[in-house]
Amino acid sequence: MGLFGNKLMNLITTDKDGRDVAAISLAYKKWQNFKKREKQASEAERKEAEEALQFLKMNNEDPT
């Protein structure tokens, strides 16, 4: 991708505090999808959703 492309991607995917916006957005989506179908979720989906929630909390985001 080259140096300019990498720097551009860093600007696009991080906010002013340096948090990874793409990862936060993905974690939100995983958590929301889990909450929509919580009763039918498998154990793996539950674990993944819990990890996403912990990641969000570490980044001072709380979807609950």
PDB file of N, CA and C in Angstrom:
ATOM      1  N   MET A   1       0.826  -1.188   0.000  1.00  0.00           N
ATOM      2  CA  MET A   1       0.000   0.000   0.000  1.00  0.00           C
ATOM      3  C   MET A   1       0.871   1.252   0.000  1.00  0.00           C
ATOM      4  N   GLY A   2       2.058   1.180   0.480  1.00  0.00           N
ATOM      5  CA  GLY A   2       2.931   2.341   0.485  1.00  0.00           C
ATOM      6  C   GLY A   2       2.762   3.179   1.736  1.00  0.00           C
ATOM      7  N   LEU A   3       3.740   3.998   1.991  1.00  0.00           N
ATOM      8  CA  LEU A   3       3.754   4.798   3.213  1.00  0.00           C
ATOM      9  C   LEU A   3       2.578   5.767   3.285  1.00  0.00           C
ATOM     10  N   PHE A   4       2.280   6.464   2.190  1.00  0.00           N
ATOM     11  CA  PHE A   4       1.171   7.420   2.202  1.00  0.00           C
ATOM     12  C   PHE A   4      -0.155   6.711   2.453  1.00  0.00           C
ATOM     13  N   GLY A   5      -0.347   5.584   1.799  1.00  0.00           N
ATOM     14  CA  GLY A   5      -1.585   4.828   1.981  1.00  0.00           C
ATOM     15  C   GLY A   5      -1.764   4.354   3.407  1.00  0.00           C
ATOM     16  N   ASN A   6      -0.681   3.890   4.030  1.00  0.00           N
ATOM     17  CA  ASN A   6      -0.759   3.447   5.424  1.00  0.00           C
ATOM     18  C   ASN A   6      -1.097   4.602   6.349  1.00  0.00           C
ATOM     19  N   LYS A   7      -0.473   5.756   6.127  1.00  0.00           N
ATOM     20  CA  LYS A   7      -0.773   6.920   6.970  1.00  0.00           C
ATOM     21  C   LYS A   7      -2.216   7.363   6.771  1.00  0.00           C
ATOM     22  N   LEU A   8      -2.691   7.324   5.533  1.00  0.00           N
ATOM     23  CA  LEU A   8      -4.072   7.700   5.247  1.00  0.00           C
ATOM     24  C   LEU A   8      -5.034   6.750   5.944  1.00  0.00           C
ATOM     25  N   MET A   9      -4.759   5.455   5.895  1.00  0.00           N
ATOM     26  CA  MET A   9      -5.622   4.489   6.570  1.00  0.00           C
ATOM     27  C   MET A   9      -5.617   4.717   8.075  1.00  0.00           C
ATOM     28  N   ASN A  10      -4.469   5.081   8.645  1.00  0.00           N
ATOM     29  CA  ASN A  10      -4.410   5.371  10.072  1.00  0.00           C
ATOM     30  C   ASN A  10      -5.273   6.576  10.410  1.00  0.00           C
ATOM     31  N   LEU A  11      -5.291   7.575   9.558  1.00  0.00           N
ATOM     32  CA  LEU A  11      -6.133   8.746   9.795  1.00  0.00           C
ATOM     33  C   LEU A  11      -7.610   8.390   9.712  1.00  0.00           C
ATOM     34  N   ILE A  12      -7.946   7.542   8.774  1.00  0.00           N
ATOM     35  CA  ILE A  12      -9.344   7.174   8.562  1.00  0.00           C
ATOM     36  C   ILE A  12      -9.866   6.290   9.687  1.00  0.00           C
ATOM     37  N   THR A  13      -9.030   5.383  10.192  1.00  0.00           N
ATOM     38  CA  THR A  13      -9.523   4.399  11.148  1.00  0.00           C
ATOM     39  C   THR A  13      -9.279   4.755  12.603  1.00  0.00           C
ATOM     40  N   THR A  14      -8.684   5.916  12.881  1.00  0.00           N
ATOM     41  CA  THR A  14      -8.488   6.315  14.272  1.00  0.00           C
ATOM     42  C   THR A  14      -9.135   7.666  14.513  1.00  0.00           C
ATOM     43  N   ASP A  15      -9.617   7.875  15.737  1.00  0.00           N
ATOM     44  CA  ASP A  15     -10.208   9.162  16.071  1.00  0.00           C
ATOM     45  C   ASP A  15      -9.142  10.063  16.682  1.00  0.00           C
ATOM     46  N   LYS A  16      -9.550  11.227  17.160  1.00  0.00           N
ATOM     47  CA  LYS A  16      -8.587  12.206  17.676  1.00  0.00           C
ATOM     48  C   LYS A  16      -7.828  11.701  18.895  1.00  0.00           C
ATOM     49  N   ASP A  17      -8.374  10.734  19.599  1.00  0.00           N
ATOM     50  CA  ASP A  17      -7.696  10.166  20.763  1.00  0.00           C
ATOM     51  C   ASP A  17      -6.850   8.951  20.397  1.00  0.00           C
ATOM     52  N   GLY A  18      -6.814   8.610  19.118  1.00  0.00           N
ATOM     53  CA  GLY A  18      -6.016   7.478  18.666  1.00  0.00           C
ATOM     54  C   GLY A  18      -6.698   6.131  18.806  1.00  0.00           C
ATOM     55  N   ARG A  19      -7.986   6.128  19.120  1.00  0.00           N
ATOM     56  CA  ARG A  19      -8.709   4.856  19.243  1.00  0.00           C
ATOM     57  C   ARG A  19      -9.012   4.315  17.854  1.00  0.00           C
ATOM     58  N   ASP A  20      -9.046   3.022  17.735  1.00  0.00           N
ATOM     59  CA  ASP A  20      -9.306   2.357  16.467  1.00  0.00           C
ATOM     60  C   ASP A  20     -10.812   2.333  16.214  1.00  0.00           C
ATOM     61  N   VAL A  21     -11.274   3.269  15.412  1.00  0.00           N
ATOM     62  CA  VAL A  21     -12.709   3.431  15.156  1.00  0.00           C
ATOM     63  C   VAL A  21     -13.289   2.205  14.457  1.00  0.00           C
ATOM     64  N   ALA A  22     -12.543   1.621  13.545  1.00  0.00           N
ATOM     65  CA  ALA A  22     -13.043   0.445  12.827  1.00  0.00           C
ATOM     66  C   ALA A  22     -13.256  -0.724  13.789  1.00  0.00           C
ATOM     67  N   ALA A  23     -12.324  -0.937  14.698  1.00  0.00           N
ATOM     68  CA  ALA A  23     -12.463  -2.034  15.664  1.00  0.00           C
ATOM     69  C   ALA A  23     -13.620  -1.771  16.619  1.00  0.00           C
ATOM     70  N   ILE A  24     -13.788  -0.530  17.030  1.00  0.00           N
ATOM     71  CA  ILE A  24     -14.900  -0.174  17.917  1.00  0.00           C
ATOM     72  C   ILE A  24     -16.226  -0.393  17.199  1.00  0.00           C
ATOM     73  N   SER A  25     -16.293   0.022  15.946  1.00  0.00           N
ATOM     74  CA  SER A  25     -17.510  -0.158  15.158  1.00  0.00           C
ATOM     75  C   SER A  25     -17.833  -1.644  14.989  1.00  0.00           C
ATOM     76  N   LEU A  26     -16.822  -2.448  14.718  1.00  0.00           N
ATOM     77  CA  LEU A  26     -17.027  -3.889  14.569  1.00  0.00           C
ATOM     78  C   LEU A  26     -17.507  -4.506  15.878  1.00  0.00           C
ATOM     79  N   ALA A  27     -16.937  -4.074  16.984  1.00  0.00           N
ATOM     80  CA  ALA A  27     -17.360  -4.595  18.292  1.00  0.00           C
ATOM     81  C   ALA A  27     -18.812  -4.225  18.573  1.00  0.00           C
ATOM     82  N   TYR A  28     -19.209  -2.983  18.235  1.00  0.00           N
ATOM     83  CA  TYR A  28     -20.611  -2.574  18.399  1.00  0.00           C
ATOM     84  C   TYR A  28     -21.529  -3.481  17.585  1.00  0.00           C
ATOM     85  N   LYS A  29     -21.147  -3.741  16.337  1.00  0.00           N
ATOM     86  CA  LYS A  29     -21.980  -4.582  15.476  1.00  0.00           C
ATOM     87  C   LYS A  29     -22.114  -5.994  16.035  1.00  0.00           C
ATOM     88  N   LYS A  30     -20.994  -6.554  16.518  1.00  0.00           N
ATOM     89  CA  LYS A  30     -21.049  -7.896  17.102  1.00  0.00           C
ATOM     90  C   LYS A  30     -21.974  -7.912  18.306  1.00  0.00           C
ATOM     91  N   TRP A  31     -21.869  -6.901  19.161  1.00  0.00           N
ATOM     92  CA  TRP A  31     -22.697  -6.844  20.368  1.00  0.00           C
ATOM     93  C   TRP A  31     -24.170  -6.683  19.996  1.00  0.00           C
ATOM     94  N   GLN A  32     -24.464  -5.793  19.050  1.00  0.00           N
ATOM     95  CA  GLN A  32     -25.849  -5.562  18.646  1.00  0.00           C
ATOM     96  C   GLN A  32     -26.448  -6.810  18.008  1.00  0.00           C
ATOM     97  N   ASN A  33     -25.682  -7.485  17.159  1.00  0.00           N
ATOM     98  CA  ASN A  33     -26.177  -8.713  16.537  1.00  0.00           C
ATOM     99  C   ASN A  33     -26.455  -9.781  17.584  1.00  0.00           C
ATOM    100  N   PHE A  34     -25.584  -9.876  18.576  1.00  0.00           N
ATOM    101  CA  PHE A  34     -25.793 -10.836  19.655  1.00  0.00           C
ATOM    102  C   PHE A  34     -27.064 -10.508  20.424  1.00  0.00           C
ATOM    103  N   LYS A  35     -27.267  -9.242  20.764  1.00  0.00           N
ATOM    104  CA  LYS A  35     -28.440  -8.851  21.546  1.00  0.00           C
ATOM    105  C   LYS A  35     -29.736  -9.129  20.783  1.00  0.00           C
ATOM    106  N   LYS A  36     -29.708  -9.018  19.457  1.00  0.00           N
ATOM    107  CA  LYS A  36     -30.901  -9.268  18.649  1.00  0.00           C
ATOM    108  C   LYS A  36     -31.329 -10.733  18.725  1.00  0.00           C
ATOM    109  N   ARG A  37     -30.360 -11.620  18.794  1.00  0.00           N
ATOM    110  CA  ARG A  37     -30.674 -13.046  18.780  1.00  0.00           C
ATOM    111  C   ARG A  37     -30.037 -13.773  19.956  1.00  0.00           C
ATOM    112  N   GLU A  38     -30.069 -13.149  21.096  1.00  0.00           N
ATOM    113  CA  GLU A  38     -29.417 -13.678  22.294  1.00  0.00           C
ATOM    114  C   GLU A  38     -29.903 -15.076  22.670  1.00  0.00           C
ATOM    115  N   LYS A  39     -31.187 -15.315  22.571  1.00  0.00           N
ATOM    116  CA  LYS A  39     -31.742 -16.609  22.989  1.00  0.00           C
ATOM    117  C   LYS A  39     -31.302 -17.754  22.081  1.00  0.00           C
ATOM    118  N   GLN A  40     -31.023 -17.458  20.816  1.00  0.00           N
ATOM    119  CA  GLN A  40     -30.612 -18.505  19.884  1.00  0.00           C
ATOM    120  C   GLN A  40     -29.094 -18.579  19.713  1.00  0.00           C
ATOM    121  N   ALA A  41     -28.352 -17.717  20.376  1.00  0.00           N
ATOM    122  CA  ALA A  41     -26.902 -17.638  20.178  1.00  0.00           C
ATOM    123  C   ALA A  41     -26.191 -18.873  20.717  1.00  0.00           C
ATOM    124  N   SER A  42     -25.172 -19.281  19.989  1.00  0.00           N
ATOM    125  CA  SER A  42     -24.357 -20.412  20.439  1.00  0.00           C
ATOM    126  C   SER A  42     -23.377 -19.934  21.512  1.00  0.00           C
ATOM    127  N   GLU A  43     -22.722 -20.881  22.140  1.00  0.00           N
ATOM    128  CA  GLU A  43     -21.735 -20.535  23.175  1.00  0.00           C
ATOM    129  C   GLU A  43     -20.586 -19.718  22.579  1.00  0.00           C
ATOM    130  N   ALA A  44     -20.171 -20.053  21.360  1.00  0.00           N
ATOM    131  CA  ALA A  44     -19.095 -19.300  20.702  1.00  0.00           C
ATOM    132  C   ALA A  44     -19.523 -17.857  20.439  1.00  0.00           C
ATOM    133  N   GLU A  45     -20.778 -17.679  20.009  1.00  0.00           N
ATOM    134  CA  GLU A  45     -21.287 -16.323  19.778  1.00  0.00           C
ATOM    135  C   GLU A  45     -21.369 -15.537  21.080  1.00  0.00           C
ATOM    136  N   ARG A  46     -21.742 -16.204  22.151  1.00  0.00           N
ATOM    137  CA  ARG A  46     -21.797 -15.545  23.464  1.00  0.00           C
ATOM    138  C   ARG A  46     -20.405 -15.086  23.899  1.00  0.00           C
ATOM    139  N   LYS A  47     -19.419 -15.958  23.705  1.00  0.00           N
ATOM    140  CA  LYS A  47     -18.048 -15.616  24.081  1.00  0.00           C
ATOM    141  C   LYS A  47     -17.545 -14.443  23.239  1.00  0.00           C
ATOM    142  N   GLU A  48     -17.814 -14.479  21.945  1.00  0.00           N
ATOM    143  CA  GLU A  48     -17.395 -13.403  21.054  1.00  0.00           C
ATOM    144  C   GLU A  48     -18.064 -12.085  21.444  1.00  0.00           C
ATOM    145  N   ALA A  49     -19.328 -12.133  21.787  1.00  0.00           N
ATOM    146  CA  ALA A  49     -20.049 -10.926  22.202  1.00  0.00           C
ATOM    147  C   ALA A  49     -19.492 -10.386  23.517  1.00  0.00           C
ATOM    148  N   GLU A  50     -19.152 -11.273  24.432  1.00  0.00           N
ATOM    149  CA  GLU A  50     -18.568 -10.842  25.711  1.00  0.00           C
ATOM    150  C   GLU A  50     -17.210 -10.178  25.486  1.00  0.00           C
ATOM    151  N   GLU A  51     -16.409 -10.746  24.581  1.00  0.00           N
ATOM    152  CA  GLU A  51     -15.117 -10.140  24.251  1.00  0.00           C
ATOM    153  C   GLU A  51     -15.316  -8.771  23.612  1.00  0.00           C
ATOM    154  N   ALA A  52     -16.312  -8.652  22.739  1.00  0.00           N
ATOM    155  CA  ALA A  52     -16.605  -7.363  22.112  1.00  0.00           C
ATOM    156  C   ALA A  52     -17.026  -6.343  23.163  1.00  0.00           C
ATOM    157  N   LEU A  53     -17.844  -6.764  24.115  1.00  0.00           N
ATOM    158  CA  LEU A  53     -18.290  -5.864  25.175  1.00  0.00           C
ATOM    159  C   LEU A  53     -17.106  -5.406  26.026  1.00  0.00           C
ATOM    160  N   GLN A  54     -16.215  -6.324  26.365  1.00  0.00           N
ATOM    161  CA  GLN A  54     -15.034  -5.956  27.155  1.00  0.00           C
ATOM    162  C   GLN A  54     -14.159  -4.973  26.389  1.00  0.00           C
ATOM    163  N   PHE A  55     -14.008  -5.193  25.073  1.00  0.00           N
ATOM    164  CA  PHE A  55     -13.229  -4.280  24.239  1.00  0.00           C
ATOM    165  C   PHE A  55     -13.855  -2.889  24.239  1.00  0.00           C
ATOM    166  N   LEU A  56     -15.174  -2.834  24.116  1.00  0.00           N
ATOM    167  CA  LEU A  56     -15.863  -1.546  24.123  1.00  0.00           C
ATOM    168  C   LEU A  56     -15.672  -0.833  25.455  1.00  0.00           C
ATOM    169  N   LYS A  57     -15.776  -1.570  26.538  1.00  0.00           N
ATOM    170  CA  LYS A  57     -15.598  -0.961  27.859  1.00  0.00           C
ATOM    171  C   LYS A  57     -14.176  -0.448  28.042  1.00  0.00           C
ATOM    172  N   MET A  58     -13.184  -1.161  27.502  1.00  0.00           N
ATOM    173  CA  MET A  58     -11.793  -0.698  27.591  1.00  0.00           C
ATOM    174  C   MET A  58     -11.603   0.605  26.827  1.00  0.00           C
ATOM    175  N   ASN A  59     -12.433   0.832  25.820  1.00  0.00           N
ATOM    176  CA  ASN A  59     -12.353   2.042  25.012  1.00  0.00           C
ATOM    177  C   ASN A  59     -13.394   3.076  25.432  1.00  0.00           C
ATOM    178  N   ASN A  60     -13.879   2.941  26.662  1.00  0.00           N
ATOM    179  CA  ASN A  60     -14.854   3.881  27.231  1.00  0.00           C
ATOM    180  C   ASN A  60     -16.116   4.010  26.398  1.00  0.00           C
ATOM    181  N   GLU A  61     -16.548   2.901  25.829  1.00  0.00           N
ATOM    182  CA  GLU A  61     -17.803   2.831  25.086  1.00  0.00           C
ATOM    183  C   GLU A  61     -18.686   1.843  25.837  1.00  0.00           C
ATOM    184  N   ASP A  62     -19.960   2.152  25.982  1.00  0.00           N
ATOM    185  CA  ASP A  62     -20.855   1.226  26.680  1.00  0.00           C
ATOM    186  C   ASP A  62     -22.156   1.099  25.912  1.00  0.00           C
ATOM    187  N   PRO A  63     -22.341  -0.008  25.204  1.00  0.00           N
ATOM    188  CA  PRO A  63     -23.541  -0.184  24.395  1.00  0.00           C
ATOM    189  C   PRO A  63     -24.763  -0.595  25.200  1.00  0.00           C
ATOM    190  N   THR A  64     -24.590  -0.913  26.480  1.00  0.00           N
ATOM    191  CA  THR A  64     -25.721  -1.395  27.273  1.00  0.00           C
ATOM    192  C   THR A  64     -26.509  -0.261  27.871  1.00  0.00           C
TER     193      THR A  64
END
